[in-house]
């Protein structure tokens, strides 16, 4: 099914929420996978399952993120200049029939982390 995708990513710091990325685009939702091209011409594949979300982004840099509610998972990045792997912790994961909400921390080390909020809404293209 062809859909309109409303994508927003916020960085949360000291209880301040700052919009980092926002765009609307057309995409396809089929077999629990939301596929769209973002404003940087990267291909995004978001696999939406009952208990987890897997986000793959393909451009010059390949990224892979897995989200499971109240669990630590991995963020992986691969580029021509090298690879990076970090732990992520999903504080909140809400999956609805037409949207995904994820509140997560990227753990740089035991004492340092950055908090993000990701909201993706998709609805049929009219």
Protein backbone atom coordinates (compact mmCIF):
# COMPACT_ATOMS: atom_id res chain seq x y z
CA UNK A 1 0.00 0.00 0.00
CA UNK A 2 1.27 3.48 -0.85
CA UNK A 3 1.53 5.71 2.21
CA UNK A 4 2.47 9.21 3.33
CA UNK A 5 5.22 9.07 5.97
CA UNK A 6 5.53 11.74 8.66
CA UNK A 7 8.98 11.34 10.26
CA UNK A 8 10.24 13.22 13.34
CA UNK A 9 13.35 12.68 15.45
CA UNK A 10 14.07 14.68 18.59
CA UNK A 11 17.12 14.88 20.82
CA UNK A 12 16.29 15.21 24.51
CA UNK A 13 18.79 16.93 26.77
CA UNK A 14 18.13 18.22 30.30
CA UNK A 15 14.39 17.76 29.74
CA UNK A 16 14.64 19.97 26.62
CA UNK A 17 13.34 18.45 23.41
CA UNK A 18 15.01 19.65 20.22
CA UNK A 19 13.78 18.68 16.76
CA UNK A 20 16.68 17.15 14.81
CA UNK A 21 14.97 15.72 11.73
CA UNK A 22 11.51 16.29 10.30
CA UNK A 23 10.15 15.45 6.87
CA UNK A 24 7.13 14.10 5.02
CA UNK A 25 7.54 11.75 2.09
CA UNK A 26 5.75 9.03 0.18
CA UNK A 27 6.53 5.40 0.86
CA UNK A 28 5.26 1.85 0.69
CA UNK A 29 3.97 -0.26 3.58
CA UNK A 30 3.87 -3.95 2.75
CA UNK A 31 4.35 -7.15 4.76
CA UNK A 32 5.10 -5.19 7.96
CA UNK A 33 7.89 -3.22 6.26
CA UNK A 34 7.72 0.54 5.77
CA UNK A 35 10.00 1.66 2.93
CA UNK A 36 10.76 5.26 2.00
CA UNK A 37 13.50 7.57 0.79
CA UNK A 38 14.41 10.39 3.18
CA UNK A 39 15.48 13.98 2.50
CA UNK A 40 19.12 12.88 2.12
CA UNK A 41 18.17 10.33 -0.58
CA UNK A 42 18.85 7.40 1.77
CA UNK A 43 16.65 4.30 1.55
CA UNK A 44 14.93 3.50 4.86
CA UNK A 45 13.47 0.09 5.67
CA UNK A 46 11.55 -0.16 8.94
CA UNK A 47 10.47 -3.66 9.89
CA UNK A 48 7.51 -3.34 12.28
CA UNK A 49 6.81 -6.44 14.36
CA UNK A 50 4.67 -6.96 17.43
CA UNK A 51 7.54 -6.66 19.93
CA UNK A 52 10.41 -5.05 18.02
CA UNK A 53 11.31 -2.50 15.39
CA UNK A 54 14.30 -2.90 13.09
CA UNK A 55 15.49 0.21 11.26
CA UNK A 56 17.87 -0.08 8.31
CA UNK A 57 19.12 3.00 6.49
CA UNK A 58 21.11 2.63 3.28
CA UNK A 59 23.25 5.44 1.83
CA UNK A 60 27.01 6.02 1.82
CA UNK A 61 26.73 4.95 5.45
CA UNK A 62 24.71 1.86 6.35
CA UNK A 63 22.98 1.92 9.73
CA UNK A 64 21.08 -0.78 11.58
CA UNK A 65 19.13 -0.32 14.80
CA UNK A 66 16.99 -2.80 16.69
CA UNK A 67 14.49 -1.64 19.32
CA UNK A 68 12.82 -3.85 21.95
CA UNK A 69 10.88 -2.31 24.83
CA UNK A 70 12.89 -2.06 28.08
CA UNK A 71 15.85 -3.92 26.51
CA UNK A 72 19.39 -3.17 25.47
CA UNK A 73 20.08 -3.85 21.79
CA UNK A 74 22.59 -2.65 19.15
CA UNK A 75 23.19 0.28 16.86
CA UNK A 76 25.54 -0.64 14.01
CA UNK A 77 27.05 1.67 11.44
CA UNK A 78 29.19 0.68 8.48
CA UNK A 79 31.00 3.08 6.15
CA UNK A 80 34.03 3.15 3.89
CA UNK A 81 36.04 4.73 6.73
CA UNK A 82 35.16 2.04 9.27
CA UNK A 83 32.51 0.47 11.47
CA UNK A 84 30.91 1.50 14.74
CA UNK A 85 28.76 -0.47 17.16
CA UNK A 86 27.02 1.02 20.19
CA UNK A 87 24.49 -0.24 22.70
CA UNK A 88 21.05 1.32 22.71
CA UNK A 89 18.42 1.03 25.41
CA UNK A 90 14.75 1.39 24.51
CA UNK A 91 12.87 3.12 27.34
CA UNK A 92 9.52 3.09 25.56
CA UNK A 93 8.23 1.42 22.42
CA UNK A 94 4.66 1.97 21.24
CA UNK A 95 3.55 0.23 18.06
CA UNK A 96 0.15 1.09 16.59
CA UNK A 97 -1.42 0.18 13.26
CA UNK A 98 -0.38 3.50 11.72
CA UNK A 99 2.51 4.76 13.85
CA UNK A 100 5.62 3.91 15.82
CA UNK A 101 6.94 5.79 18.86
CA UNK A 102 10.39 5.02 20.27
CA UNK A 103 12.15 6.66 23.24
CA UNK A 104 15.73 5.41 23.44
CA UNK A 105 19.23 6.08 24.72
CA UNK A 106 22.42 5.64 22.73
CA UNK A 107 24.98 4.45 25.28
CA UNK A 108 28.45 5.81 24.56
CA UNK A 109 29.88 4.30 27.75
CA UNK A 110 28.67 3.39 31.22
CA UNK A 111 28.17 7.04 32.26
CA UNK A 112 27.43 8.79 28.97
CA UNK A 113 24.36 8.47 26.82
CA UNK A 114 22.22 10.55 24.51
CA UNK A 115 18.43 10.35 24.54
CA UNK A 116 16.28 10.43 21.41
CA UNK A 117 12.61 10.28 20.58
CA UNK A 118 11.52 8.90 17.23
CA UNK A 119 7.99 9.22 15.88
CA UNK A 120 6.96 7.75 12.55
CA UNK A 121 3.39 8.00 11.34
CA UNK A 122 2.15 6.51 8.06
CA UNK A 123 -1.25 6.73 6.43
CA UNK A 124 -2.68 5.64 3.07
CA UNK A 125 -1.95 7.90 0.14
CA UNK A 126 -5.19 9.32 -1.23
